[in-house]
């Protein structure tokens, strides 16, 4: 009830101000006519002046209405596919090695809230893979393998994880941002660079095996509590982790409605079990490299 009274009070003030402003317009028009026009022509000119004022006000209203109704729909949908590259414990150190990469797919919905800032929500699914053939650091040192069931055979291990990700992120148009501070900056007409920052949650299951024999070593997100070591838990019961994402996107305008985009996004998860191992890194890392199309709705 109190909220309604406050709204009513402000509406009353608003309408009173409108009436007062309209009366001032009419009064000013009459005074201006009296100063420069003989008495016999004042009535006709007063009528013409008021009609002009009304036409101007109506014209402004029409323009404002047309701008509002003609405002562009800023929603977009994006479809992407690409690879995940694991950067955790069980991996080869080389960049983009085939044993460390796997497929991923992503769908995003977004909206431009400003010419610089865009907000997106996305869903993606895919795999993570990695392989490490030895843990020898030097002739006298080595790291220990995570092997709760003593299944490691000593000739290296590999893992495969299945991921489902939901994410909310913002995309910052770097060209528009520079233009905002340096008006003389010349933007590329068809090309845009964005920096992305986001956070999300993932559900996963991961299993690792011996490299040579493919025998089971350990799994996370599987039904080992009941002795079913290679049976994955139902999706809703699988372990979950939060993650942060950051990286660049490159957009090329094909037409008024369609963009080609490339994403290079790094991710840090708050779990060390994406590779079914608890070892040196407390936060497993991976990156997604994606190619796709964005359609303006």
Protein backbone atom coordinates (compact mmCIF):
# COMPACT_ATOMS: atom_id res chain seq x y z
CA UNK A 1 0.00 0.00 0.00
CA UNK A 2 2.82 2.40 0.90
CA UNK A 3 4.54 1.66 -2.44
CA UNK A 4 1.30 2.51 -4.34
CA UNK A 5 0.98 5.81 -2.47
CA UNK A 6 4.53 6.78 -3.41
CA UNK A 7 3.89 5.96 -7.07
CA UNK A 8 0.62 7.96 -7.03
CA UNK A 9 2.40 10.93 -5.47
CA UNK A 10 5.09 10.99 -8.15
CA UNK A 11 2.51 10.63 -10.94
CA UNK A 12 0.57 13.59 -9.51
CA UNK A 13 3.74 15.69 -9.42
CA UNK A 14 4.57 14.67 -13.00
CA UNK A 15 1.16 15.59 -14.43
CA UNK A 16 1.11 18.87 -12.49
CA UNK A 17 4.47 19.74 -13.98
CA UNK A 18 3.19 18.94 -17.50
CA UNK A 19 0.13 21.18 -17.04
CA UNK A 20 2.25 23.97 -15.60
CA UNK A 21 4.70 23.73 -18.53
CA UNK A 22 1.88 23.81 -21.08
CA UNK A 23 0.38 26.91 -19.44
CA UNK A 24 3.76 28.62 -19.54
CA UNK A 25 4.07 27.91 -23.27
CA UNK A 26 0.68 29.48 -23.97
CA UNK A 27 1.38 32.48 -21.72
CA UNK A 28 4.75 33.15 -23.38
CA UNK A 29 3.17 32.97 -26.82
CA UNK A 30 0.52 35.54 -25.84
CA UNK A 31 3.07 37.94 -24.35
CA UNK A 32 5.31 37.77 -27.41
CA UNK A 33 2.40 38.54 -29.72
CA UNK A 34 1.28 41.51 -27.63
CA UNK A 35 4.70 43.11 -27.86
CA UNK A 36 5.01 43.15 -31.65
CA UNK A 37 1.52 42.88 -33.16
CA UNK A 38 -1.38 45.36 -33.26
CA UNK A 39 -4.45 44.47 -31.23
CA UNK A 40 -6.63 43.59 -34.21
CA UNK A 41 -4.24 40.88 -35.50
CA UNK A 42 -3.39 39.34 -32.14
CA UNK A 43 -6.26 36.86 -32.13
CA UNK A 44 -5.36 35.33 -35.51
CA UNK A 45 -1.65 35.18 -34.76
CA UNK A 46 -2.29 33.71 -31.34
CA UNK A 47 -4.30 30.93 -32.93
CA UNK A 48 -1.55 30.25 -35.49
CA UNK A 49 1.13 30.24 -32.80
CA UNK A 50 -0.74 27.76 -30.64
CA UNK A 51 -1.36 25.50 -33.64
CA UNK A 52 2.37 25.55 -34.47
CA UNK A 53 3.25 24.66 -30.88
CA UNK A 54 0.83 21.74 -30.95
CA UNK A 55 2.21 20.51 -34.28
CA UNK A 56 5.79 20.63 -32.95
CA UNK A 57 4.85 18.69 -29.81
CA UNK A 58 2.96 16.06 -31.83
CA UNK A 59 5.85 15.77 -34.27
CA UNK A 60 8.29 15.10 -31.43
CA UNK A 61 5.98 12.44 -30.00
CA UNK A 62 5.71 10.72 -33.38
CA UNK A 63 9.50 10.71 -33.78
CA UNK A 64 10.03 9.32 -30.29
CA UNK A 65 7.46 6.59 -30.91
CA UNK A 66 9.05 5.64 -34.22
CA UNK A 67 12.50 5.44 -32.63
CA UNK A 68 11.23 3.18 -29.85
CA UNK A 69 9.24 0.92 -32.17
CA UNK A 70 12.09 0.79 -34.67
CA UNK A 71 14.75 -0.09 -32.13
CA UNK A 72 16.87 -3.02 -33.26
CA UNK A 73 16.55 -6.44 -31.72
CA UNK A 74 19.95 -7.04 -30.10
CA UNK A 75 19.57 -10.78 -29.43
CA UNK A 76 21.94 -13.23 -31.12
CA UNK A 77 22.43 -16.99 -31.23
CA UNK A 78 25.81 -18.60 -31.82
CA UNK A 79 26.75 -22.19 -32.76
CA UNK A 80 30.36 -23.32 -32.38
CA UNK A 81 32.48 -26.44 -32.58
CA UNK A 82 36.15 -27.01 -31.93
CA UNK A 83 38.63 -28.60 -29.55
CA UNK A 84 39.43 -28.71 -25.84
CA UNK A 85 43.11 -28.86 -24.91
CA UNK A 86 43.88 -30.14 -21.41
CA UNK A 87 46.52 -28.26 -19.39
CA UNK A 88 46.52 -30.26 -16.14
CA UNK A 89 48.70 -33.05 -14.69
CA UNK A 90 48.21 -35.89 -17.19
CA UNK A 91 49.35 -34.34 -20.45
CA UNK A 92 52.25 -33.91 -22.80
CA UNK A 93 53.92 -30.52 -22.43
CA UNK A 94 53.78 -29.68 -26.16
CA UNK A 95 51.21 -27.19 -27.44
CA UNK A 96 48.14 -28.61 -29.24
CA UNK A 97 49.46 -32.16 -29.32
CA UNK A 98 46.83 -34.59 -30.62
CA UNK A 99 46.96 -36.69 -27.43
CA UNK A 100 45.88 -33.65 -25.38
CA UNK A 101 42.99 -32.44 -27.54
CA UNK A 102 39.39 -33.59 -28.00
CA UNK A 103 36.11 -32.35 -29.45
CA UNK A 104 33.68 -29.83 -27.98
CA UNK A 105 30.40 -28.20 -29.09
CA UNK A 106 28.77 -25.01 -27.85
CA UNK A 107 25.53 -23.02 -28.24
CA UNK A 108 25.21 -19.45 -26.92
CA UNK A 109 22.48 -16.84 -26.59
CA UNK A 110 23.47 -13.22 -26.12
CA UNK A 111 22.29 -9.64 -26.03
CA UNK A 112 24.02 -6.32 -26.58
CA UNK A 113 23.45 -4.13 -23.51
CA UNK A 114 25.77 -1.43 -24.86
CA UNK A 115 27.86 -1.01 -27.99
CA UNK A 116 30.87 -2.05 -25.88
CA UNK A 117 29.36 -4.76 -23.65
CA UNK A 118 27.53 -7.96 -24.58
CA UNK A 119 26.10 -10.57 -22.20
CA UNK A 120 25.92 -14.27 -23.13
CA UNK A 121 24.72 -17.50 -21.62
CA UNK A 122 26.01 -20.73 -23.10
CA UNK A 123 25.83 -24.51 -22.89
CA UNK A 124 28.57 -26.80 -24.15
CA UNK A 125 29.53 -30.44 -24.03
CA UNK A 126 32.62 -32.35 -25.04
CA UNK A 127 35.62 -34.34 -23.87
CA UNK A 128 39.01 -33.85 -22.27
CA UNK A 129 41.92 -36.18 -22.97
CA UNK A 130 45.54 -36.45 -21.91
CA UNK A 131 48.45 -38.84 -21.78
CA UNK A 132 51.66 -38.99 -19.72
CA UNK A 133 54.14 -41.78 -20.39
CA UNK A 134 56.44 -41.30 -17.42
CA UNK A 135 56.83 -39.28 -14.23
CA UNK A 136 60.63 -39.16 -14.16
CA UNK A 137 61.89 -35.64 -13.45
CA UNK A 138 65.59 -36.56 -13.37
CA UNK A 139 67.82 -39.57 -12.72
CA UNK A 140 67.09 -39.33 -9.00
CA UNK A 141 63.62 -37.76 -8.85
CA UNK A 142 60.15 -38.64 -10.02
CA UNK A 143 56.60 -37.69 -9.14
CA UNK A 144 54.19 -40.22 -7.71
CA UNK A 145 51.15 -41.45 -9.65
CA UNK A 146 47.69 -41.10 -8.12
CA UNK A 147 46.83 -44.80 -7.82
CA UNK A 148 44.36 -45.57 -4.96
CA UNK A 149 43.71 -49.15 -6.18
CA UNK A 150 47.36 -49.98 -7.09
CA UNK A 151 46.46 -50.62 -10.73
CA UNK A 152 49.24 -48.56 -12.33
CA UNK A 153 51.60 -50.72 -14.41
CA UNK A 154 54.48 -48.24 -14.65
CA UNK A 155 54.44 -47.54 -18.40
CA UNK A 156 52.37 -44.37 -18.43
CA UNK A 157 48.72 -43.45 -18.07
CA UNK A 158 45.99 -41.72 -20.06
CA UNK A 159 42.56 -40.35 -19.25
CA UNK A 160 39.28 -39.38 -20.88
CA UNK A 161 36.71 -37.07 -19.28
CA UNK A 162 33.20 -36.13 -20.38
CA UNK A 163 32.08 -32.55 -19.66
CA UNK A 164 28.81 -30.62 -19.61
CA UNK A 165 29.22 -26.88 -19.05
CA UNK A 166 26.85 -23.99 -18.36
CA UNK A 167 28.29 -20.50 -18.38
CA UNK A 168 27.47 -16.80 -18.10
CA UNK A 169 30.02 -14.41 -19.59
CA UNK A 170 30.47 -10.86 -20.81
CA UNK A 171 32.14 -9.95 -24.08
CA UNK A 172 33.89 -6.57 -24.37
CA UNK A 173 34.33 -4.99 -27.81
CA UNK A 174 37.92 -3.76 -27.69
CA UNK A 175 37.63 -1.54 -30.78
CA UNK A 176 34.59 0.24 -29.35
CA UNK A 177 36.35 0.56 -26.01
CA UNK A 178 39.39 2.23 -27.60
CA UNK A 179 37.10 4.45 -29.70
CA UNK A 180 35.35 5.58 -26.52
CA UNK A 181 38.63 6.98 -25.14
CA UNK A 182 40.23 8.00 -28.44
CA UNK A 183 37.54 9.34 -30.82
CA UNK A 184 40.06 9.62 -33.69
CA UNK A 185 40.64 5.85 -33.66
CA UNK A 186 39.53 4.21 -36.93
CA UNK A 187 37.54 0.98 -36.51
CA UNK A 188 37.67 -1.94 -38.90
CA UNK A 189 34.31 -2.11 -40.67
CA UNK A 190 33.86 -5.88 -40.80
CA UNK A 191 36.26 -7.07 -38.11
CA UNK A 192 35.85 -6.93 -34.31
CA UNK A 193 37.99 -8.14 -31.41
CA UNK A 194 36.38 -9.03 -28.07
CA UNK A 195 37.74 -9.95 -24.66
CA UNK A 196 35.60 -12.42 -22.71
CA UNK A 197 35.27 -12.91 -18.96
CA UNK A 198 32.90 -15.44 -17.45
CA UNK A 199 32.12 -18.04 -14.86
CA UNK A 200 30.27 -21.31 -15.03
CA UNK A 201 29.64 -24.73 -13.59
CA UNK A 202 30.53 -28.10 -15.10
CA UNK A 203 29.47 -31.68 -14.50
CA UNK A 204 32.01 -34.35 -15.38
CA UNK A 205 33.15 -37.95 -15.20
CA UNK A 206 36.74 -39.02 -15.77
CA UNK A 207 38.56 -42.34 -16.13
CA UNK A 208 42.25 -43.13 -16.53
CA UNK A 209 43.91 -46.26 -17.89
CA UNK A 210 47.34 -47.73 -18.48
CA UNK A 211 48.87 -46.63 -21.78
CA UNK A 212 50.12 -50.00 -23.04
CA UNK A 213 47.39 -52.39 -21.88
CA UNK A 214 44.41 -50.02 -21.62
CA UNK A 215 43.63 -51.55 -18.21
CA UNK A 216 41.65 -49.57 -15.66
CA UNK A 217 43.56 -47.49 -13.08
CA UNK A 218 41.04 -45.17 -11.43
CA UNK A 219 37.90 -43.16 -12.21
CA UNK A 220 36.05 -40.17 -10.78
CA UNK A 221 32.31 -39.84 -11.32
CA UNK A 222 31.84 -43.58 -11.76
CA UNK A 223 30.03 -46.17 -9.64
CA UNK A 224 33.09 -47.69 -7.99
CA UNK A 225 31.39 -47.62 -4.56
CA UNK A 226 29.26 -50.57 -5.73
CA UNK A 227 32.13 -52.29 -7.50
CA UNK A 228 30.98 -51.11 -10.97
CA UNK A 229 34.24 -49.36 -11.77
CA UNK A 230 33.48 -48.51 -15.41
CA UNK A 231 29.82 -47.54 -15.03
CA UNK A 232 29.34 -43.76 -15.06
CA UNK A 233 27.03 -42.17 -12.50
CA UNK A 234 23.76 -40.59 -13.73
CA UNK A 235 24.31 -37.07 -15.07
CA UNK A 236 22.75 -35.29 -12.08
CA UNK A 237 24.84 -37.32 -9.62
CA UNK A 238 28.21 -36.71 -11.24
CA UNK A 239 30.75 -34.45 -9.53
CA UNK A 240 30.48 -30.74 -10.28
CA UNK A 241 32.96 -27.90 -10.25
CA UNK A 242 32.97 -24.17 -10.82
CA UNK A 243 35.27 -22.56 -13.35
CA UNK A 244 36.44 -19.17 -14.57
CA UNK A 245 36.86 -18.42 -18.26
CA UNK A 246 38.84 -15.72 -20.05
CA UNK A 247 40.15 -15.11 -23.55
CA UNK A 248 39.60 -13.56 -26.95
CA UNK A 249 36.98 -13.74 -29.68
CA UNK A 250 37.41 -12.57 -33.26
CA UNK A 251 34.32 -11.70 -35.33
CA UNK A 252 34.09 -11.17 -39.08
CA UNK A 253 30.88 -9.72 -40.54
CA UNK A 254 29.61 -11.82 -43.45
CA UNK A 255 26.27 -10.01 -43.81
CA UNK A 256 23.91 -7.84 -41.78
CA UNK A 257 22.71 -10.92 -39.92
CA UNK A 258 25.65 -13.34 -39.85
CA UNK A 259 29.13 -13.26 -38.29
CA UNK A 260 31.93 -15.81 -38.41
CA UNK A 261 33.63 -16.05 -35.01
CA UNK A 262 36.70 -17.70 -33.53
CA UNK A 263 37.14 -18.14 -29.77
CA UNK A 264 40.35 -18.83 -27.86
CA UNK A 265 39.21 -19.27 -24.24
CA UNK A 266 41.19 -20.44 -21.21
CA UNK A 267 39.43 -22.07 -18.24
CA UNK A 268 40.43 -22.77 -14.63
CA UNK A 269 38.32 -25.25 -12.61
CA UNK A 270 38.19 -25.49 -8.82
CA UNK A 271 38.90 -29.23 -8.90
CA UNK A 272 41.98 -31.37 -9.45
CA UNK A 273 40.01 -34.40 -10.63
CA UNK A 274 39.25 -33.57 -14.28
CA UNK A 275 42.02 -36.06 -15.10
CA UNK A 276 40.93 -38.47 -12.31
CA UNK A 277 44.11 -37.61 -10.40
CA UNK A 278 44.94 -35.50 -7.36
CA UNK A 279 48.53 -34.45 -7.91
CA UNK A 280 50.51 -31.23 -8.32
CA UNK A 281 47.85 -28.87 -9.65
CA UNK A 282 44.97 -28.09 -7.32
CA UNK A 283 43.06 -26.36 -10.13
CA UNK A 284 42.97 -28.18 -13.45
CA UNK A 285 43.18 -26.00 -16.54
CA UNK A 286 42.10 -26.39 -20.14
CA UNK A 287 41.39 -24.21 -23.14
CA UNK A 288 38.67 -24.22 -25.78
CA UNK A 289 39.39 -23.20 -29.37
CA UNK A 290 36.15 -22.79 -31.31
CA UNK A 291 34.93 -21.81 -34.75
CA UNK A 292 31.31 -20.93 -35.49
CA UNK A 293 28.56 -18.70 -36.78
CA UNK A 294 26.59 -16.01 -34.97
CA UNK A 295 23.11 -15.05 -36.20
CA UNK A 296 21.36 -11.81 -35.25
CA UNK A 297 17.70 -12.49 -34.40
